Amino acid sequence: MPVETRAVSDAETAPLALPKPRGTSTALRGAGLLAVLAALVLVGLLSVWTGTRGIPFSATWSALWNPDGSETSVIIHDYRIPRTLLGLLVGVALGLSGALMQALTRNPLAEPGLLGI
């Protein structure tokens, strides 16, 4: 029995090309990134400003840039700034762990329960 062969075209073996997203430009992405960074800075300042002891924003701003050893300055530099930085670090770690889990399982809906954690 003869084996039939047929020619395979390049179109059949080429990977599928994804369509370009419409309306997404580099300038729009840059503006979005700047907006997210501005929101992050604003939330960080709000976190340094708020606390158990009410300190006016002007005093917080002054102590933030000109530490003078006063009680307000000690509160800002020893308690509130480390709290804000730790919160930012924990958020980055959680986001990174979620992205790694989704990448390793190749599942965009991956969650800790999927791995039994």
Protein backbone atom coordinates (compact mmCIF):
# COMPACT_ATOMS: atom_id res chain seq x y z
CA MET A 1 0.00 0.00 0.00
CA PRO A 2 1.44 3.36 -0.93
CA VAL A 3 1.51 6.02 1.75
CA GLU A 4 -0.05 9.27 0.70
CA THR A 5 1.82 12.43 1.52
CA ARG A 6 0.67 15.94 1.16
CA ALA A 7 2.56 19.20 1.24
CA VAL A 8 2.16 21.32 4.36
CA SER A 9 2.04 25.04 3.79
CA ASP A 10 3.77 27.63 5.96
CA ALA A 11 0.38 29.00 7.01
CA GLU A 12 -0.50 25.68 8.64
CA THR A 13 2.69 25.43 10.68
CA ALA A 14 3.13 29.11 11.62
CA PRO A 15 2.08 30.07 15.16
CA LEU A 16 -1.07 32.09 15.53
CA ALA A 17 -0.42 35.79 15.65
CA LEU A 18 -2.28 37.71 18.32
CA PRO A 19 -4.08 40.83 17.16
CA LYS A 20 -2.71 44.15 18.33
CA PRO A 21 -4.80 45.77 21.03
CA ARG A 22 -6.72 48.71 19.72
CA GLY A 23 -6.34 52.15 21.22
CA THR A 24 -3.43 51.27 23.46
CA SER A 25 -0.51 53.56 22.83
CA THR A 26 2.75 54.05 24.65
CA ALA A 27 1.67 57.51 25.78
CA LEU A 28 -1.51 56.09 27.31
CA ARG A 29 0.43 53.42 29.16
CA GLY A 30 2.88 56.03 30.42
CA ALA A 31 0.03 58.23 31.63
CA GLY A 32 -1.53 55.26 33.40
CA LEU A 33 1.77 54.41 35.08
CA LEU A 34 2.20 58.01 36.24
CA ALA A 35 -1.34 58.03 37.63
CA VAL A 36 -0.71 54.81 39.58
CA LEU A 37 2.59 56.15 40.95
CA ALA A 38 0.93 59.43 41.96
CA ALA A 39 -1.81 57.49 43.75
CA LEU A 40 0.84 55.40 45.53
CA VAL A 41 2.66 58.53 46.74
CA LEU A 42 -0.63 60.08 47.87
CA VAL A 43 -1.65 56.97 49.82
CA GLY A 44 1.84 56.78 51.33
CA LEU A 45 1.60 60.38 52.55
CA LEU A 46 -1.87 59.68 53.92
CA SER A 47 -0.49 56.66 55.78
CA VAL A 48 2.29 58.74 57.33
CA TRP A 49 -0.21 61.46 58.28
CA THR A 50 -2.81 59.25 59.97
CA GLY A 51 -2.31 57.45 63.23
CA THR A 52 -3.53 57.09 66.77
CA ARG A 53 -2.25 60.50 67.70
CA GLY A 54 -3.71 63.28 65.58
CA ILE A 55 -0.95 65.40 64.11
CA PRO A 56 -1.84 68.25 61.73
CA PHE A 57 -0.71 67.76 58.15
CA SER A 58 1.54 70.82 58.23
CA ALA A 59 3.38 69.47 61.28
CA THR A 60 3.64 66.04 59.65
CA TRP A 61 5.05 67.55 56.46
CA SER A 62 7.53 69.65 58.41
CA ALA A 63 8.70 66.70 60.54
CA LEU A 64 8.94 64.50 57.45
CA TRP A 65 11.47 66.74 55.72
CA ASN A 66 13.12 68.45 58.74
CA PRO A 67 13.57 65.97 61.61
CA ASP A 68 14.34 67.95 64.74
CA GLY A 69 14.09 65.35 67.52
CA SER A 70 10.71 66.56 68.75
CA GLU A 71 7.98 64.13 69.78
CA THR A 72 6.19 64.60 66.47
CA SER A 73 9.37 63.93 64.52
CA VAL A 74 10.07 60.76 66.52
CA ILE A 75 6.53 59.49 65.92
CA ILE A 76 6.79 60.15 62.19
CA HIS A 77 10.28 58.68 61.68
CA ASP A 78 10.25 55.80 64.17
CA TYR A 79 6.69 54.53 63.80
CA ARG A 80 4.76 55.81 60.82
CA ILE A 81 7.37 55.67 58.05
CA PRO A 82 8.43 52.08 58.91
CA ARG A 83 4.74 51.09 59.09
CA THR A 84 4.13 52.54 55.64
CA LEU A 85 7.21 50.93 54.12
CA LEU A 86 6.37 47.55 55.67
CA GLY A 87 2.83 47.75 54.28
CA LEU A 88 4.23 48.55 50.83
CA LEU A 89 6.70 45.66 51.06
CA VAL A 90 3.97 43.20 52.13
CA GLY A 91 1.76 44.34 49.24
CA VAL A 92 4.59 43.81 46.75
CA ALA A 93 5.30 40.36 48.19
CA LEU A 94 1.64 39.31 47.97
CA GLY A 95 1.36 40.56 44.40
CA LEU A 96 4.56 38.81 43.38
CA SER A 97 3.51 35.54 44.98
CA GLY A 98 0.16 35.65 43.20
CA ALA A 99 1.80 36.40 39.86
CA LEU A 100 4.29 33.55 40.37
CA MET A 101 1.52 31.12 41.25
CA GLN A 102 -0.43 32.10 38.14
CA ALA A 103 2.68 31.83 35.97
CA LEU A 104 3.80 28.47 37.33
CA THR A 105 0.38 26.85 37.04
CA ARG A 106 -0.37 28.65 33.76
CA ASN A 107 -3.77 29.45 35.19
CA PRO A 108 -4.89 33.10 35.30
CA LEU A 109 -7.43 32.18 38.01
CA ALA A 110 -4.92 30.41 40.28
CA GLU A 111 -5.41 30.78 44.01
CA PRO A 112 -3.69 29.31 47.09
CA GLY A 113 -6.36 26.61 47.43
CA LEU A 114 -5.34 25.24 44.05
CA LEU A 115 -2.00 24.11 45.51
CA GLY A 116 -3.48 23.12 48.86
CA ILE A 117 -1.96 26.03 50.76
